[in-house]
C-alpha atoms as a PDB file:
ATOM      1  CA  UNK A   1     -13.764  -1.950  -4.452  1.00  0.00           C
ATOM      2  CA  UNK A   2     -10.855  -0.870  -3.381  1.00  0.00           C
ATOM      3  CA  UNK A   3      -9.678   2.714  -3.578  1.00  0.00           C
ATOM      4  CA  UNK A   4      -7.870   2.054  -5.723  1.00  0.00           C
ATOM      5  CA  UNK A   5     -10.143   0.134  -8.008  1.00  0.00           C
ATOM      6  CA  UNK A   6     -12.142   3.359  -8.175  1.00  0.00           C
ATOM      7  CA  UNK A   7      -9.877   5.336  -8.910  1.00  0.00           C
ATOM      8  CA  UNK A   8      -9.088   3.413 -11.685  1.00  0.00           C
ATOM      9  CA  UNK A   9     -12.642   3.460 -13.718  1.00  0.00           C
ATOM     10  CA  UNK A  10     -13.288   7.149 -12.546  1.00  0.00           C
ATOM     11  CA  UNK A  11     -10.295   8.908 -13.313  1.00  0.00           C
ATOM     12  CA  UNK A  12      -8.649  10.070 -16.770  1.00  0.00           C
ATOM     13  CA  UNK A  13      -6.060   8.749 -18.120  1.00  0.00           C
ATOM     14  CA  UNK A  14      -2.652   8.604 -17.541  1.00  0.00           C
ATOM     15  CA  UNK A  15      -2.701   7.204 -14.168  1.00  0.00           C
ATOM     16  CA  UNK A  16       0.512   5.911 -12.713  1.00  0.00           C
ATOM     17  CA  UNK A  17      -0.015   3.205 -10.352  1.00  0.00           C
ATOM     18  CA  UNK A  18       3.477   1.699  -8.049  1.00  0.00           C
ATOM     19  CA  UNK A  19       3.188  -1.461  -7.188  1.00  0.00           C
ATOM     20  CA  UNK A  20       5.450  -4.915  -6.394  1.00  0.00           C
ATOM     21  CA  UNK A  21       4.178  -7.015  -9.476  1.00  0.00           C
ATOM     22  CA  UNK A  22       2.535  -5.626 -12.944  1.00  0.00           C
ATOM     23  CA  UNK A  23      -0.897  -6.793 -13.823  1.00  0.00           C
ATOM     24  CA  UNK A  24      -1.865  -7.317 -16.995  1.00  0.00           C
ATOM     25  CA  UNK A  25      -5.746  -6.800 -16.754  1.00  0.00           C
ATOM     26  CA  UNK A  26      -4.815  -2.430 -16.016  1.00  0.00           C
ATOM     27  CA  UNK A  27      -6.732  -0.313 -18.526  1.00  0.00           C
ATOM     28  CA  UNK A  28      -3.942   1.442 -20.378  1.00  0.00           C
ATOM     29  CA  UNK A  29      -4.788   4.662 -18.886  1.00  0.00           C
ATOM     30  CA  UNK A  30      -2.511   2.934 -16.154  1.00  0.00           C
ATOM     31  CA  UNK A  31       0.232   3.245 -15.900  1.00  0.00           C
ATOM     32  CA  UNK A  32       2.624   0.714 -14.130  1.00  0.00           C
ATOM     33  CA  UNK A  33       5.873   1.960 -12.144  1.00  0.00           C
ATOM     34  CA  UNK A  34       7.480  -0.888  -9.910  1.00  0.00           C
ATOM     35  CA  UNK A  35       7.417   0.234  -6.306  1.00  0.00           C
ATOM     36  CA  UNK A  36       5.986  -0.825  -3.173  1.00  0.00           C
ATOM     37  CA  UNK A  37       2.986   1.161  -2.677  1.00  0.00           C
ATOM     38  CA  UNK A  38       1.416   3.258   0.095  1.00  0.00           C
ATOM     39  CA  UNK A  39       4.798   5.360  -0.466  1.00  0.00           C
ATOM     40  CA  UNK A  40       5.698   8.280   1.263  1.00  0.00           C
ATOM     41  CA  UNK A  41       5.866  11.747  -0.507  1.00  0.00           C
ATOM     42  CA  UNK A  42       9.056  11.436  -0.097  1.00  0.00           C
ATOM     43  CA  UNK A  43       8.995   7.932  -1.252  1.00  0.00           C
ATOM     44  CA  UNK A  44       7.757   9.233  -4.736  1.00  0.00           C
ATOM     45  CA  UNK A  45       8.737  12.096  -5.624  1.00  0.00           C
ATOM     46  CA  UNK A  46      11.853   9.809  -5.164  1.00  0.00           C
ATOM     47  CA  UNK A  47      10.829   6.561  -7.265  1.00  0.00           C
ATOM     48  CA  UNK A  48       9.712   8.939 -10.140  1.00  0.00           C
ATOM     49  CA  UNK A  49      12.827  11.026 -10.775  1.00  0.00           C
ATOM     50  CA  UNK A  50      13.983   7.459 -10.882  1.00  0.00           C
ATOM     51  CA  UNK A  51      11.538   7.216 -14.144  1.00  0.00           C
ATOM     52  CA  UNK A  52      12.372  11.331 -15.261  1.00  0.00           C
ATOM     53  CA  UNK A  53       9.493  12.054 -13.588  1.00  0.00           C
ATOM     54  CA  UNK A  54       9.868  15.462 -11.412  1.00  0.00           C
ATOM     55  CA  UNK A  55       6.918  15.291  -8.779  1.00  0.00           C
ATOM     56  CA  UNK A  56       6.057  19.398  -8.554  1.00  0.00           C
ATOM     57  CA  UNK A  57       5.343  18.587 -12.023  1.00  0.00           C
ATOM     58  CA  UNK A  58       2.596  16.378 -11.226  1.00  0.00           C
ATOM     59  CA  UNK A  59      -0.792  18.988 -11.538  1.00  0.00           C
ATOM     60  CA  UNK A  60      -2.937  16.406  -8.465  1.00  0.00           C
ATOM     61  CA  UNK A  61      -1.561  14.050  -5.666  1.00  0.00           C
ATOM     62  CA  UNK A  62      -3.677  12.827  -4.096  1.00  0.00           C
ATOM     63  CA  UNK A  63      -3.892  11.472  -1.398  1.00  0.00           C
ATOM     64  CA  UNK A  64      -6.629   9.042   0.886  1.00  0.00           C
ATOM     65  CA  UNK A  65      -6.931   8.631   4.979  1.00  0.00           C
ATOM     66  CA  UNK A  66      -8.119   4.800   6.394  1.00  0.00           C
ATOM     67  CA  UNK A  67      -9.062   4.318   9.477  1.00  0.00           C
ATOM     68  CA  UNK A  68      -6.216   3.065  11.178  1.00  0.00           C
ATOM     69  CA  UNK A  69      -7.683  -0.464  13.180  1.00  0.00           C
ATOM     70  CA  UNK A  70      -8.913  -1.082   9.027  1.00  0.00           C
ATOM     71  CA  UNK A  71      -6.532  -1.202   7.669  1.00  0.00           C
ATOM     72  CA  UNK A  72      -4.358  -2.949  10.409  1.00  0.00           C
ATOM     73  CA  UNK A  73      -6.996  -6.123   9.713  1.00  0.00           C
ATOM     74  CA  UNK A  74      -7.151  -5.337   6.059  1.00  0.00           C
ATOM     75  CA  UNK A  75      -3.019  -5.703   6.339  1.00  0.00           C
ATOM     76  CA  UNK A  76      -3.131  -9.043   8.797  1.00  0.00           C
ATOM     77  CA  UNK A  77      -5.931  -9.475   5.825  1.00  0.00           C
ATOM     78  CA  UNK A  78      -3.615  -9.094   3.060  1.00  0.00           C
ATOM     79  CA  UNK A  79      -0.371 -10.876   4.357  1.00  0.00           C
ATOM     80  CA  UNK A  80      -2.074 -14.314   5.560  1.00  0.00           C
ATOM     81  CA  UNK A  81      -2.464 -14.576   1.623  1.00  0.00           C
ATOM     82  CA  UNK A  82       1.561 -15.594   1.903  1.00  0.00           C
ATOM     83  CA  UNK A  83       2.584 -13.482  -1.879  1.00  0.00           C
ATOM     84  CA  UNK A  84       5.900 -14.150  -2.503  1.00  0.00           C
ATOM     85  CA  UNK A  85       6.266 -10.341  -2.359  1.00  0.00           C
ATOM     86  CA  UNK A  86       5.846  -9.655   0.932  1.00  0.00           C
ATOM     87  CA  UNK A  87       7.906 -12.804   2.338  1.00  0.00           C
ATOM     88  CA  UNK A  88       9.907 -11.603   6.620  1.00  0.00           C
ATOM     89  CA  UNK A  89       8.485 -11.903   9.289  1.00  0.00           C
ATOM     90  CA  UNK A  90       5.896  -9.018   8.892  1.00  0.00           C
ATOM     91  CA  UNK A  91       3.780 -12.068   6.560  1.00  0.00           C
ATOM     92  CA  UNK A  92       4.273 -14.854   9.107  1.00  0.00           C
ATOM     93  CA  UNK A  93       3.618 -13.424  12.195  1.00  0.00           C
ATOM     94  CA  UNK A  94       0.073 -12.894  10.052  1.00  0.00           C
ATOM     95  CA  UNK A  95       0.259 -16.507   9.189  1.00  0.00           C
ATOM     96  CA  UNK A  96       0.659 -17.608  12.968  1.00  0.00           C
ATOM     97  CA  UNK A  97      -0.774 -16.165  14.866  1.00  0.00           C
ATOM     98  CA  UNK A  98      -4.831 -14.175  14.838  1.00  0.00           C
ATOM     99  CA  UNK A  99      -5.124 -10.478  14.895  1.00  0.00           C
ATOM    100  CA  UNK A 100      -5.610 -10.580  17.718  1.00  0.00           C
ATOM    101  CA  UNK A 101      -2.163 -11.426  18.194  1.00  0.00           C
ATOM    102  CA  UNK A 102      -0.452  -9.710  14.802  1.00  0.00           C
ATOM    103  CA  UNK A 103      -1.485  -6.083  16.054  1.00  0.00           C
ATOM    104  CA  UNK A 104      -0.096  -6.227  20.079  1.00  0.00           C
ATOM    105  CA  UNK A 105       3.104  -8.169  18.135  1.00  0.00           C
ATOM    106  CA  UNK A 106       3.839  -6.633  15.086  1.00  0.00           C
ATOM    107  CA  UNK A 107       5.840  -3.024  15.234  1.00  0.00           C
ATOM    108  CA  UNK A 108       6.820  -2.771  11.705  1.00  0.00           C
ATOM    109  CA  UNK A 109       2.995  -1.407  10.983  1.00  0.00           C
ATOM    110  CA  UNK A 110       0.902  -1.095  13.734  1.00  0.00           C
ATOM    111  CA  UNK A 111       2.041  -3.100  17.904  1.00  0.00           C
ATOM    112  CA  UNK A 112       2.799   0.537  19.476  1.00  0.00           C
ATOM    113  CA  UNK A 113       1.653   2.701  18.402  1.00  0.00           C
ATOM    114  CA  UNK A 114      -1.878   0.963  17.255  1.00  0.00           C
ATOM    115  CA  UNK A 115      -2.541  -0.623  20.437  1.00  0.00           C
ATOM    116  CA  UNK A 116      -1.024   2.299  22.959  1.00  0.00           C
ATOM    117  CA  UNK A 117      -4.532   4.249  20.812  1.00  0.00           C
ATOM    118  CA  UNK A 118      -6.233   1.488  23.089  1.00  0.00           C
ATOM    119  CA  UNK A 119      -4.840   2.006  26.185  1.00  0.00           C
END
């Protein structure tokens, strides 16, 4: 179960969820806001402001931290699903190569920051 699925299951609403597509299967207490997922706090502030919300008025802001290696493996596997909203060089790299090569060559998320820690 993903962190998002868990939080939707246990938290009372409203829950504001930023993602690139609308998911009709989500329960009614989840309010979907168009975004890209995994925004920084500054990006979240801008997205919410576009929808008339002030981030400073939020009673709780929750962040989760994930093992960077696990995150990169997950990103590689996700990109290989070829979702249309993820089109681009990063997706092509993931689909053309195994994880090890993707992790070294992917400058957008992994690349040097991910592999320098192993040196």
